[in-house]
Amino acid sequence: MMKKLKSIKWRNVILFLFVMVGLLVLAQSFVLPDMIGWNVDRVKHYEAGNDITIVYQNVYSDTVPYGTVANQEKCNKNEECDVVLTFSKGEDVSSQSESEIKAYLNQLVEEQLINPKEIVYNEPQYSNDVNQGYPISYDANPYEGIIEITFSQGPEIHVYDATMVAVGDILLHDTVYNDFRLEEDTFDFSPLLENVKPYIEPADFGFANQETNIGGVEVGLSSYPNFNSPYEIARDLINVGFNMFARANNHTLDKGESGVLAAEKNWEMFEGIITAGSTDSKEKRDQISVIEKNGIKLALLAYSYGFNGYRVPDDKSYLANEFDYEQAAIDIEKAKSVSDVIVVSMHWGVEYSNTPSEAQIEQAQWLADQGVHVIIGSHPHVLQPMDRLIGKDGNETVVAYSLGNFISGQVGLERLVGGIMKIDIKKTTIGDGVKIEIGQPQFMPTYNYAEASTKGYRLVPLIDSAQAEYFESIKALMETYSPNVDVVDYITYGELEK
């Protein structure tokens, strides 16, 4: 017996065992079961019981049930795995509506292909690219046991609101500024404005046509026909709430280039305001004046029909903006790129005429066709009607053909009556889209008079003056073209009234 054992070549036995183990390993590596049609649980059970590395993929399938193996492939020699299994994610419902997706998932639950707990609905998100009620993402992973979905709320919507007031001409005759002269050459116009401040100060945007340059005493104060005014008028207008000023009118060049440059220097002292229509360089002229309040950017453009016979130097057109269709079109397109709302001041029309000229009506419609939102007219020195125009693209434009004199030393009832126009501006953003709505204007007539000839100037709501009976005539005038204006005793802000 011992001889037989000694005759066994143990080296051969050991070699045989190594060969058998190797064959078993090779068999496991290259002879894998056909797992197509297996469900996830069966695959996981097999994986746990065998020394095998599986790579998992997922694919949509209309024929293979959710959570079963749709395809099986061996790994390449250079890959550190044994087999690639592709599970079916079921039907591709990633582009269907919320109701359709939920109906499909309920069907999978009923067929016991998924557990309701495997469905995860993330918080809905805003999306500019995916319509409301459709999935932004749909991710089904059978092996992990999860279906994760994020539905779209549609584009994010924001609403911004602001109010704007506008008045007509600030035409500062010497009788007016002398009435508010203090010691030496200083002035205080706040007493003139105190009675109308409550109707201006609450507004977000406040516009005035500063018809006379504020060159100040350095240039030499003067009255009609070549005006130059104290800078304090601008200061006191700003203090009651005005922050937008037109400077293009027939008196812009009354003191020549030196008058414009002096006025520009004075305007630059004030913060938080914009002006348009006259400046001291081409660079400033080409830059659109924009002011922002409550998330609404408002651009101001200003033009005049001419300058009382004075000519703008060809190389210095920036000193005063003369209306030109081609240039205005360029300016408006620039304004569209930097603002939400475009306001255009137009110094136009026939002096002392209560009705707009054909040129005014033509130019107003042209501006509406360009997409301008608000047109504020001046120069006639008396009130003219308001209207709401429809532009060529269906946009609406509010036009006040003339707001008359707000402050002046002129005489005659029609020239003493001006007013404050108030409009509500609503900006709605839906995703990347912006919609602007201009509400129905309120118009409060005002009365600017001297208590004693050329002394004691006062500015009050018309209804509080001795000329209160003139109110109904103003109402009829303002509604000549459109009932879309509310002529009111007092301007109101929300629920607040005087």
Protein backbone atom coordinates (compact mmCIF):
# COMPACT_ATOMS: atom_id res chain seq x y z
CA MET A 1 0.00 0.00 0.00
CA MET A 2 2.77 2.35 0.89
CA LYS A 3 4.44 1.52 -2.40
CA LYS A 4 1.31 2.51 -4.28
CA LEU A 5 1.10 5.82 -2.41
CA LYS A 6 4.70 6.51 -3.10
CA SER A 7 4.11 5.82 -6.76
CA ILE A 8 1.53 8.66 -6.94
CA LYS A 9 3.06 11.75 -8.44
CA TRP A 10 1.74 14.49 -6.15
CA ARG A 11 3.08 17.13 -8.38
CA ASN A 12 0.68 15.97 -11.07
CA VAL A 13 -2.21 15.96 -8.63
CA ILE A 14 -1.56 19.49 -7.53
CA LEU A 15 -1.25 20.57 -11.14
CA PHE A 16 -4.56 18.87 -11.94
CA LEU A 17 -6.32 20.70 -9.13
CA PHE A 18 -5.02 24.05 -10.31
CA VAL A 19 -6.24 23.27 -13.81
CA MET A 20 -9.70 22.34 -12.56
CA VAL A 21 -10.04 25.51 -10.49
CA GLY A 22 -8.94 27.57 -13.48
CA LEU A 23 -11.50 25.84 -15.68
CA LEU A 24 -14.22 26.57 -13.14
CA VAL A 25 -13.20 30.24 -13.10
CA LEU A 26 -13.17 30.36 -16.88
CA ALA A 27 -16.51 28.66 -17.02
CA GLN A 28 -17.96 31.24 -14.68
CA SER A 29 -16.38 34.03 -16.75
CA PHE A 30 -17.40 32.86 -20.16
CA VAL A 31 -20.41 30.65 -19.64
CA LEU A 32 -22.98 33.00 -18.08
CA PRO A 33 -26.67 32.20 -17.90
CA ASP A 34 -29.04 33.94 -20.30
CA MET A 35 -30.53 36.61 -18.03
CA ILE A 36 -32.73 38.34 -20.62
CA GLY A 37 -36.22 38.55 -19.13
CA TRP A 38 -35.00 38.31 -15.54
CA ASN A 39 -36.37 40.85 -13.14
CA VAL A 40 -34.27 42.99 -10.83
CA ASP A 41 -34.67 40.78 -7.77
CA ARG A 42 -33.52 37.67 -9.64
CA VAL A 43 -30.49 39.45 -11.05
CA LYS A 44 -29.51 40.79 -7.61
CA HIS A 45 -29.87 37.26 -6.12
CA TYR A 46 -27.63 35.80 -8.82
CA GLU A 47 -25.10 38.61 -8.42
CA ALA A 48 -24.92 38.03 -4.66
CA GLY A 49 -24.27 34.30 -5.08
CA ASN A 50 -21.57 34.55 -7.71
CA ASP A 51 -18.26 36.29 -7.95
CA ILE A 52 -19.29 38.38 -10.89
CA THR A 53 -19.09 42.06 -11.86
CA ILE A 54 -22.14 43.46 -13.67
CA VAL A 55 -22.50 46.83 -15.35
CA TYR A 56 -26.07 48.12 -15.44
CA GLN A 57 -27.74 50.29 -18.10
CA ASN A 58 -31.30 51.41 -18.68
CA VAL A 59 -33.26 51.89 -21.87
CA TYR A 60 -36.84 52.77 -22.80
CA SER A 61 -38.80 49.89 -24.34
CA ASP A 62 -42.36 49.53 -25.59
CA THR A 63 -42.12 45.71 -25.65
CA VAL A 64 -40.09 44.67 -22.60
CA PRO A 65 -41.81 45.15 -19.22
CA TYR A 66 -40.46 47.71 -16.79
CA GLY A 67 -37.64 46.38 -14.55
CA THR A 68 -36.68 43.32 -16.63
CA VAL A 69 -33.46 42.66 -18.57
CA ALA A 70 -33.89 43.75 -22.16
CA ASN A 71 -30.35 43.00 -23.35
CA GLN A 72 -27.19 41.19 -22.22
CA GLU A 73 -23.65 41.64 -23.55
CA LYS A 74 -20.22 40.42 -22.52
CA CYS A 75 -17.78 43.06 -21.45
CA ASN A 76 -14.84 43.80 -23.67
CA LYS A 77 -11.47 42.36 -22.63
CA ASN A 78 -10.22 45.80 -21.69
CA GLU A 79 -13.20 46.42 -19.38
CA GLU A 80 -13.13 45.46 -15.72
CA CYS A 81 -16.45 43.68 -15.74
CA ASP A 82 -18.05 40.41 -16.76
CA VAL A 83 -21.38 41.35 -18.27
CA VAL A 84 -23.47 44.40 -19.21
CA LEU A 85 -27.17 44.10 -18.43
CA THR A 86 -29.65 46.60 -19.84
CA PHE A 87 -32.90 46.95 -17.93
CA SER A 88 -36.11 48.23 -19.47
CA LYS A 89 -37.29 51.60 -18.15
CA GLY A 90 -40.67 50.92 -19.67
CA GLU A 91 -42.33 53.23 -22.14
CA ASP A 92 -40.81 56.64 -22.87
CA VAL A 93 -43.29 59.00 -21.23
CA SER A 94 -40.71 61.74 -20.58
CA SER A 95 -42.46 64.16 -22.95
CA GLN A 96 -46.03 63.43 -21.90
CA SER A 97 -48.25 65.54 -19.66
CA GLU A 98 -48.44 65.18 -15.90
CA SER A 99 -51.80 63.40 -16.05
CA GLU A 100 -50.56 60.96 -18.71
CA ILE A 101 -47.39 60.15 -16.76
CA LYS A 102 -49.28 59.57 -13.53
CA ALA A 103 -51.76 57.30 -15.32
CA TYR A 104 -48.88 55.27 -16.73
CA LEU A 105 -47.16 54.96 -13.33
CA ASN A 106 -50.41 53.86 -11.71
CA GLN A 107 -50.60 51.14 -14.33
CA LEU A 108 -47.08 49.94 -13.40
CA VAL A 109 -48.14 49.86 -9.74
CA GLU A 110 -51.24 47.81 -10.57
CA GLU A 111 -49.09 45.36 -12.54
CA GLN A 112 -46.79 45.15 -9.49
CA LEU A 113 -43.81 46.18 -11.59
CA ILE A 114 -43.06 49.05 -9.20
CA ASN A 115 -43.84 50.00 -5.64
CA PRO A 116 -45.58 53.35 -5.13
CA LYS A 117 -42.76 54.29 -2.75
CA GLU A 118 -40.32 54.09 -5.66
CA ILE A 119 -41.93 57.15 -7.29
CA VAL A 120 -40.36 60.44 -6.18
CA TYR A 121 -42.01 63.72 -7.22
CA ASN A 122 -39.57 66.57 -6.74
CA GLU A 123 -40.81 70.10 -6.05
CA PRO A 124 -42.07 71.64 -9.31
CA GLN A 125 -39.73 74.19 -10.85
CA TYR A 126 -40.14 77.20 -13.10
CA SER A 127 -38.97 76.70 -16.65
CA ASN A 128 -38.87 78.95 -19.69
CA ASP A 129 -38.36 75.93 -21.96
CA VAL A 130 -40.90 73.39 -20.67
CA ASN A 131 -44.64 74.06 -20.55
CA GLN A 132 -46.46 73.92 -17.26
CA GLY A 133 -47.50 70.37 -16.31
CA TYR A 134 -44.80 68.65 -18.34
CA PRO A 135 -41.63 67.09 -16.92
CA ILE A 136 -38.40 69.02 -16.79
CA SER A 137 -36.74 65.71 -15.92
CA TYR A 138 -37.92 62.09 -15.88
CA ASP A 139 -35.38 59.55 -14.63
CA ALA A 140 -36.30 55.86 -14.24
CA ASN A 141 -33.67 53.54 -12.68
CA PRO A 142 -35.09 50.04 -12.10
CA TYR A 143 -31.96 48.62 -10.44
CA GLU A 144 -31.93 51.45 -7.88
CA GLY A 145 -35.69 51.14 -7.46
CA ILE A 146 -36.56 54.73 -8.15
CA ILE A 147 -38.46 56.86 -10.66
CA GLU A 148 -37.68 60.54 -10.11
CA ILE A 149 -39.74 63.30 -11.77
CA THR A 150 -39.63 67.11 -11.73
CA PHE A 151 -42.62 68.81 -13.30
CA SER A 152 -42.57 72.32 -14.77
CA GLN A 153 -44.53 75.21 -13.34
CA GLY A 154 -44.04 77.00 -16.63
CA PRO A 155 -42.21 80.30 -16.98
CA GLU A 156 -41.62 82.26 -13.79
CA ILE A 157 -43.99 85.22 -13.56
CA HIS A 158 -43.17 88.52 -11.88
CA VAL A 159 -45.33 91.63 -11.71
CA TYR A 160 -43.91 95.12 -11.10
CA ASP A 161 -45.96 98.27 -10.56
CA ALA A 162 -45.05 101.94 -10.66
CA THR A 163 -46.76 105.29 -11.05
CA MET A 164 -45.76 108.23 -13.19
CA VAL A 165 -46.91 111.84 -13.12
CA ALA A 166 -46.28 114.40 -15.82
CA VAL A 167 -46.78 118.14 -16.12
CA GLY A 168 -46.37 120.62 -18.94
CA ASP A 169 -44.26 123.74 -19.30
CA ILE A 170 -42.10 125.23 -16.58
CA LEU A 171 -41.90 128.65 -18.26
CA LEU A 172 -40.15 130.88 -15.78
CA HIS A 173 -40.86 134.51 -16.58
CA ASP A 174 -39.08 137.19 -14.55
CA THR A 175 -42.28 138.05 -12.70
CA VAL A 176 -42.30 134.50 -11.34
CA TYR A 177 -38.68 134.11 -10.32
CA ASN A 178 -38.55 137.60 -8.83
CA ASP A 179 -41.55 136.74 -6.66
CA PHE A 180 -39.45 134.00 -5.03
CA ARG A 181 -36.16 135.83 -4.81
CA LEU A 182 -34.43 135.77 -1.41
CA GLU A 183 -31.39 137.76 -0.36
CA GLU A 184 -28.89 138.53 -3.10
CA ASP A 185 -29.29 136.19 -6.07
CA THR A 186 -30.84 133.17 -4.38
CA PHE A 187 -34.33 131.79 -4.84
CA ASP A 188 -36.81 129.49 -3.11
CA PHE A 189 -39.75 128.19 -5.15
CA SER A 190 -40.96 125.68 -2.56
CA PRO A 191 -43.90 127.93 -1.46
CA LEU A 192 -45.15 127.88 -5.06
CA LEU A 193 -45.14 124.08 -5.13
CA GLU A 194 -46.37 123.19 -1.65
CA ASN A 195 -50.05 122.82 -2.62
CA VAL A 196 -49.35 120.32 -5.42
CA LYS A 197 -46.57 118.38 -3.68
CA PRO A 198 -49.01 115.74 -2.26
CA TYR A 199 -49.99 114.76 -5.83
CA ILE A 200 -46.43 114.52 -7.15
CA GLU A 201 -44.24 113.22 -4.35
CA PRO A 202 -45.87 109.75 -4.02
CA ALA A 203 -45.21 108.93 -7.69
CA ASP A 204 -42.23 106.81 -8.69
CA PHE A 205 -41.55 108.79 -11.84
CA GLY A 206 -42.18 112.52 -12.18
CA PHE A 207 -41.83 114.33 -15.53
CA ALA A 208 -41.70 118.06 -16.28
CA ASN A 209 -40.88 120.07 -19.39
CA GLN A 210 -38.22 122.50 -18.17
CA GLU A 211 -38.76 124.96 -20.98
CA THR A 212 -36.26 127.54 -19.75
CA ASN A 213 -32.58 126.72 -19.37
CA ILE A 214 -31.32 126.80 -15.78
CA GLY A 215 -28.07 128.57 -16.62
CA GLY A 216 -28.28 130.48 -13.33
CA VAL A 217 -27.14 133.96 -12.41
CA GLU A 218 -23.70 133.38 -13.94
CA VAL A 219 -25.20 133.50 -17.42
CA GLY A 220 -27.56 136.32 -16.49
CA LEU A 221 -31.19 135.75 -15.58
CA SER A 222 -33.62 136.75 -18.30
CA SER A 223 -37.22 136.43 -19.41
CA TYR A 224 -39.11 136.47 -22.72
CA PRO A 225 -38.04 136.23 -25.49
CA ASN A 226 -34.62 134.80 -24.47
CA PHE A 227 -35.02 132.92 -21.23
CA ASN A 228 -32.47 131.94 -18.61
CA SER A 229 -33.60 130.80 -15.17
CA PRO A 230 -32.25 130.25 -11.65
CA TYR A 231 -31.04 126.71 -11.09
CA GLU A 232 -33.11 126.63 -7.87
CA ILE A 233 -36.28 125.97 -9.86
CA ALA A 234 -34.89 122.54 -10.77
CA ARG A 235 -33.81 121.94 -7.19
CA ASP A 236 -37.27 122.70 -5.81
CA LEU A 237 -39.06 120.68 -8.50
CA ILE A 238 -36.84 117.72 -7.59
CA ASN A 239 -37.63 118.21 -3.92
CA VAL A 240 -41.35 117.71 -4.55
CA GLY A 241 -40.80 114.49 -6.54
CA PHE A 242 -39.87 115.28 -10.14
CA ASN A 243 -36.98 113.17 -11.47
CA MET A 244 -37.35 113.38 -15.29
CA PHE A 245 -36.89 116.59 -17.25
CA ALA A 246 -37.19 117.44 -20.95
CA ARG A 247 -34.75 120.08 -22.15
CA ALA A 248 -35.54 120.16 -25.88
CA ASN A 249 -37.84 123.07 -26.73
CA ASN A 250 -37.90 126.25 -28.78
CA HIS A 251 -36.04 128.14 -26.01
CA THR A 252 -33.16 125.65 -25.60
CA LEU A 253 -30.73 127.85 -27.55
CA ASP A 254 -31.90 131.21 -26.17
CA LYS A 255 -28.46 131.79 -24.64
CA GLY A 256 -26.51 129.88 -27.23
CA GLU A 257 -23.96 127.19 -26.48
CA SER A 258 -22.82 128.91 -23.29
CA GLY A 259 -26.36 128.75 -21.91
CA VAL A 260 -26.63 125.01 -22.61
CA LEU A 261 -23.24 124.30 -21.06
CA ALA A 262 -24.09 126.30 -17.93
CA ALA A 263 -27.41 124.47 -17.62
CA GLU A 264 -25.68 121.10 -18.05
CA LYS A 265 -23.27 121.96 -15.25
CA ASN A 266 -26.18 122.86 -12.97
CA TRP A 267 -28.16 119.72 -13.81
CA GLU A 268 -25.13 117.59 -12.94
CA MET A 269 -25.37 118.80 -9.34
CA PHE A 270 -28.52 116.75 -8.78
CA GLU A 271 -28.52 113.00 -8.16
CA GLY A 272 -31.23 110.50 -8.99
CA ILE A 273 -32.67 112.38 -11.96
CA ILE A 274 -32.47 112.15 -15.75
CA THR A 275 -32.75 114.78 -18.47
CA ALA A 276 -33.05 114.47 -22.23
CA GLY A 277 -33.00 116.69 -25.30
CA SER A 278 -29.95 118.87 -24.64
CA THR A 279 -26.46 118.20 -23.36
CA ASP A 280 -22.79 119.08 -23.80
CA SER A 281 -21.30 116.18 -25.78
CA LYS A 282 -22.10 113.68 -28.51
CA GLU A 283 -21.30 110.83 -26.14
CA LYS A 284 -23.99 111.99 -23.70
CA ARG A 285 -26.43 112.62 -26.56
CA ASP A 286 -26.00 109.05 -27.82
CA GLN A 287 -26.52 107.54 -24.39
CA ILE A 288 -30.20 106.93 -23.65
CA SER A 289 -31.39 108.48 -20.38
CA VAL A 290 -32.85 105.72 -18.18
CA ILE A 291 -34.24 105.77 -14.65
CA GLU A 292 -35.31 102.67 -12.71
CA LYS A 293 -37.94 102.37 -9.99
CA ASN A 294 -39.63 99.26 -8.58
CA GLY A 295 -37.96 97.00 -11.13
CA ILE A 296 -39.17 99.10 -14.08
CA LYS A 297 -36.67 100.86 -16.33
CA LEU A 298 -38.00 103.97 -18.02
CA ALA A 299 -36.23 105.73 -20.92
CA LEU A 300 -36.77 109.40 -21.71
CA LEU A 301 -36.34 110.95 -25.17
CA ALA A 302 -37.03 114.61 -25.98
CA TYR A 303 -37.35 116.55 -29.24
CA SER A 304 -38.39 120.01 -30.42
CA TYR A 305 -39.81 121.21 -33.74
CA GLY A 306 -37.21 124.01 -33.79
CA PHE A 307 -35.41 126.72 -31.81
CA ASN A 308 -36.92 130.12 -32.59
CA GLY A 309 -34.70 130.67 -35.58
CA TYR A 310 -31.46 129.67 -33.85
CA ARG A 311 -29.58 126.96 -35.72
CA VAL A 312 -27.85 124.04 -34.09
CA PRO A 313 -24.22 123.83 -35.26
CA ASP A 314 -23.76 120.86 -37.60
CA ASP A 315 -20.95 119.48 -35.48
CA LYS A 316 -22.79 120.08 -32.18
CA SER A 317 -26.24 118.63 -32.73
CA TYR A 318 -26.13 117.39 -29.15
CA LEU A 319 -26.83 120.93 -27.88
CA ALA A 320 -30.51 120.63 -28.81
CA ASN A 321 -32.52 117.72 -30.25
CA GLU A 322 -34.50 118.73 -33.30
CA PHE A 323 -37.14 116.16 -34.26
CA ASP A 324 -36.07 113.99 -37.17
CA TYR A 325 -37.80 110.73 -38.08
CA GLU A 326 -34.58 108.89 -38.92
CA GLN A 327 -32.77 109.92 -35.75
CA ALA A 328 -35.83 109.32 -33.57
CA ALA A 329 -36.14 105.78 -34.97
CA ILE A 330 -32.51 105.10 -34.04
CA ASP A 331 -33.02 106.51 -30.55
CA ILE A 332 -36.18 104.45 -29.95
CA GLU A 333 -34.47 101.22 -30.97
CA LYS A 334 -31.64 102.01 -28.55
CA ALA A 335 -34.17 102.75 -25.82
CA LYS A 336 -35.85 99.39 -26.38
CA SER A 337 -32.56 97.62 -25.67
CA VAL A 338 -32.00 99.32 -22.30
CA SER A 339 -35.47 99.97 -20.88
CA ASP A 340 -38.96 98.60 -20.36
CA VAL A 341 -40.97 101.77 -20.96
CA ILE A 342 -40.25 104.55 -23.46
CA VAL A 343 -41.49 108.09 -22.80
CA VAL A 344 -41.07 110.70 -25.52
CA SER A 345 -41.39 114.44 -24.88
CA MET A 346 -42.52 116.29 -28.02
CA HIS A 347 -42.31 120.08 -28.21
CA TRP A 348 -44.70 120.66 -31.09
CA GLY A 349 -47.98 122.12 -32.28
CA VAL A 350 -49.45 125.60 -32.57
CA GLU A 351 -49.27 128.02 -29.66
CA TYR A 352 -52.57 128.70 -27.88
CA SER A 353 -54.48 126.14 -29.97
CA ASN A 354 -56.66 123.70 -28.01
CA THR A 355 -56.58 121.09 -30.78
CA PRO A 356 -53.54 119.22 -32.08
CA SER A 357 -52.32 120.00 -35.57
CA GLU A 358 -52.16 117.45 -38.38
CA ALA A 359 -48.41 117.25 -37.83
CA GLN A 360 -48.89 116.41 -34.15
CA ILE A 361 -51.39 113.67 -34.96
CA GLU A 362 -49.15 112.24 -37.68
CA GLN A 363 -46.05 112.25 -35.50
CA ALA A 364 -47.91 110.77 -32.54
CA GLN A 365 -49.14 107.84 -34.64
CA TRP A 366 -45.64 107.34 -36.04
CA LEU A 367 -44.23 107.20 -32.50
CA ALA A 368 -46.92 104.72 -31.52
CA ASP A 369 -45.97 102.59 -34.53
CA GLN A 370 -42.37 102.56 -33.28
CA GLY A 371 -43.49 101.12 -29.94
CA VAL A 372 -43.35 104.23 -27.73
CA HIS A 373 -45.51 103.85 -24.61
CA VAL A 374 -46.15 107.46 -23.54
CA ILE A 375 -46.01 110.74 -25.51
CA ILE A 376 -46.07 114.01 -23.59
CA GLY A 377 -46.68 117.14 -25.63
CA SER A 378 -45.76 120.74 -24.87
CA HIS A 379 -45.43 124.18 -26.53
CA PRO A 380 -49.06 125.26 -27.14
CA HIS A 381 -49.14 126.68 -23.55
CA VAL A 382 -52.78 125.57 -23.30
CA LEU A 383 -54.33 122.19 -22.74
CA GLN A 384 -55.02 119.81 -25.62
CA PRO A 385 -56.84 116.45 -25.51
CA MET A 386 -55.47 113.05 -24.55
CA ASP A 387 -55.83 109.88 -26.59
CA ARG A 388 -54.87 106.22 -26.62
CA LEU A 389 -53.36 105.18 -29.96
CA ILE A 390 -52.86 101.70 -31.39
CA GLY A 391 -49.45 101.06 -32.93
CA LYS A 392 -48.87 98.96 -36.03
CA ASP A 393 -47.95 95.95 -33.87
CA GLY A 394 -51.10 96.27 -31.77
CA ASN A 395 -49.39 98.08 -28.90
CA GLU A 396 -51.18 100.87 -27.05
CA THR A 397 -49.71 104.34 -26.63
CA VAL A 398 -50.98 107.10 -24.35
CA VAL A 399 -50.57 110.58 -25.81
CA ALA A 400 -51.17 113.91 -24.08
CA TYR A 401 -50.99 116.35 -26.99
CA SER A 402 -50.34 119.27 -24.63
CA LEU A 403 -50.34 119.52 -20.86
CA GLY A 404 -50.33 123.32 -21.02
CA ASN A 405 -48.46 125.59 -18.61
CA PHE A 406 -47.69 124.21 -15.18
CA ILE A 407 -45.74 127.30 -14.06
CA SER A 408 -45.57 130.54 -16.02
CA GLY A 409 -46.06 134.27 -15.88
CA GLN A 410 -48.51 134.31 -18.77
CA VAL A 411 -52.04 135.72 -18.40
CA GLY A 412 -55.43 134.55 -19.59
CA LEU A 413 -57.45 131.69 -18.10
CA GLU A 414 -56.50 129.05 -20.69
CA ARG A 415 -52.81 129.83 -20.17
CA LEU A 416 -53.11 129.70 -16.41
CA VAL A 417 -54.70 126.23 -16.39
CA GLY A 418 -52.43 123.21 -16.69
CA GLY A 419 -52.56 119.93 -14.92
CA ILE A 420 -50.95 116.78 -13.58
CA MET A 421 -51.38 113.57 -15.52
CA LYS A 422 -50.92 110.33 -13.57
CA ILE A 423 -50.60 106.90 -15.13
CA ASP A 424 -50.06 103.47 -13.61
CA ILE A 425 -47.40 101.31 -15.22
CA LYS A 426 -47.51 97.52 -14.93
CA LYS A 427 -44.65 95.30 -16.05
CA THR A 428 -45.22 91.55 -16.23
CA THR A 429 -42.36 89.19 -16.97
CA ILE A 430 -43.21 85.67 -18.09
CA GLY A 431 -39.92 83.88 -18.46
CA ASP A 432 -37.88 85.99 -20.83
CA GLY A 433 -40.95 87.82 -22.13
CA VAL A 434 -41.94 91.29 -20.94
CA LYS A 435 -45.40 92.84 -21.16
CA ILE A 436 -46.01 96.52 -20.40
CA GLU A 437 -49.44 97.92 -19.60
CA ILE A 438 -50.20 101.63 -19.23
CA GLY A 439 -53.32 102.22 -17.18
CA GLN A 440 -56.04 104.76 -17.83
CA PRO A 441 -54.67 108.25 -17.10
CA GLN A 442 -55.96 110.45 -14.31
CA PHE A 443 -55.78 114.15 -15.01
CA MET A 444 -56.04 116.77 -12.28
CA PRO A 445 -56.36 120.33 -13.65
CA THR A 446 -54.21 122.92 -11.89
CA TYR A 447 -54.34 126.69 -11.70
CA ASN A 448 -51.22 128.90 -11.59
CA TYR A 449 -51.98 132.56 -10.92
CA ALA A 450 -50.71 135.72 -9.24
CA GLU A 451 -52.81 137.06 -6.38
CA ALA A 452 -51.81 140.65 -7.09
CA SER A 453 -50.97 141.23 -10.73
CA THR A 454 -47.37 139.99 -10.81
CA LYS A 455 -47.03 139.20 -7.11
CA GLY A 456 -48.07 136.33 -4.90
CA TYR A 457 -47.91 133.45 -7.38
CA ARG A 458 -49.82 130.32 -6.34
CA LEU A 459 -50.18 126.87 -7.87
CA VAL A 460 -53.24 124.90 -6.70
CA PRO A 461 -55.65 122.20 -7.90
CA LEU A 462 -58.17 123.93 -10.15
CA ILE A 463 -61.03 122.70 -8.03
CA ASP A 464 -59.64 124.69 -5.06
CA SER A 465 -59.43 127.95 -7.02
CA ALA A 466 -61.85 130.74 -7.85
CA GLN A 467 -62.05 129.21 -11.34
CA ALA A 468 -63.46 125.87 -10.18
CA GLU A 469 -66.43 126.12 -12.57
CA TYR A 470 -63.96 125.79 -15.47
CA PHE A 471 -63.43 122.15 -14.46
CA GLU A 472 -66.24 120.76 -16.65
CA SER A 473 -64.89 122.57 -19.71
CA ILE A 474 -61.49 120.99 -19.11
CA LYS A 475 -63.08 117.56 -18.72
CA ALA A 476 -64.88 117.90 -22.07
CA LEU A 477 -61.69 119.09 -23.77
CA MET A 478 -59.52 116.26 -22.48
CA GLU A 479 -62.06 113.66 -23.63
CA THR A 480 -62.35 115.06 -27.17
CA TYR A 481 -60.68 112.05 -28.77
CA SER A 482 -61.06 109.36 -26.14
CA PRO A 483 -63.00 108.65 -22.95
CA ASN A 484 -59.89 106.80 -21.72
CA VAL A 485 -58.94 109.56 -19.31
CA ASP A 486 -60.34 110.28 -15.88
CA VAL A 487 -60.47 114.01 -15.23
CA VAL A 488 -60.48 114.22 -11.44
CA ASP A 489 -60.67 116.83 -8.70
CA TYR A 490 -57.64 115.30 -6.99
CA ILE A 491 -55.16 112.63 -8.06
CA THR A 492 -55.36 109.49 -5.94
CA TYR A 493 -52.81 106.78 -5.15
CA GLY A 494 -54.43 103.45 -4.43
CA GLU A 495 -56.98 103.87 -1.70
CA LEU A 496 -55.50 107.13 -0.50
CA GLU A 497 -57.41 110.28 -1.29
CA LYS A 498 -56.99 113.86 -0.31
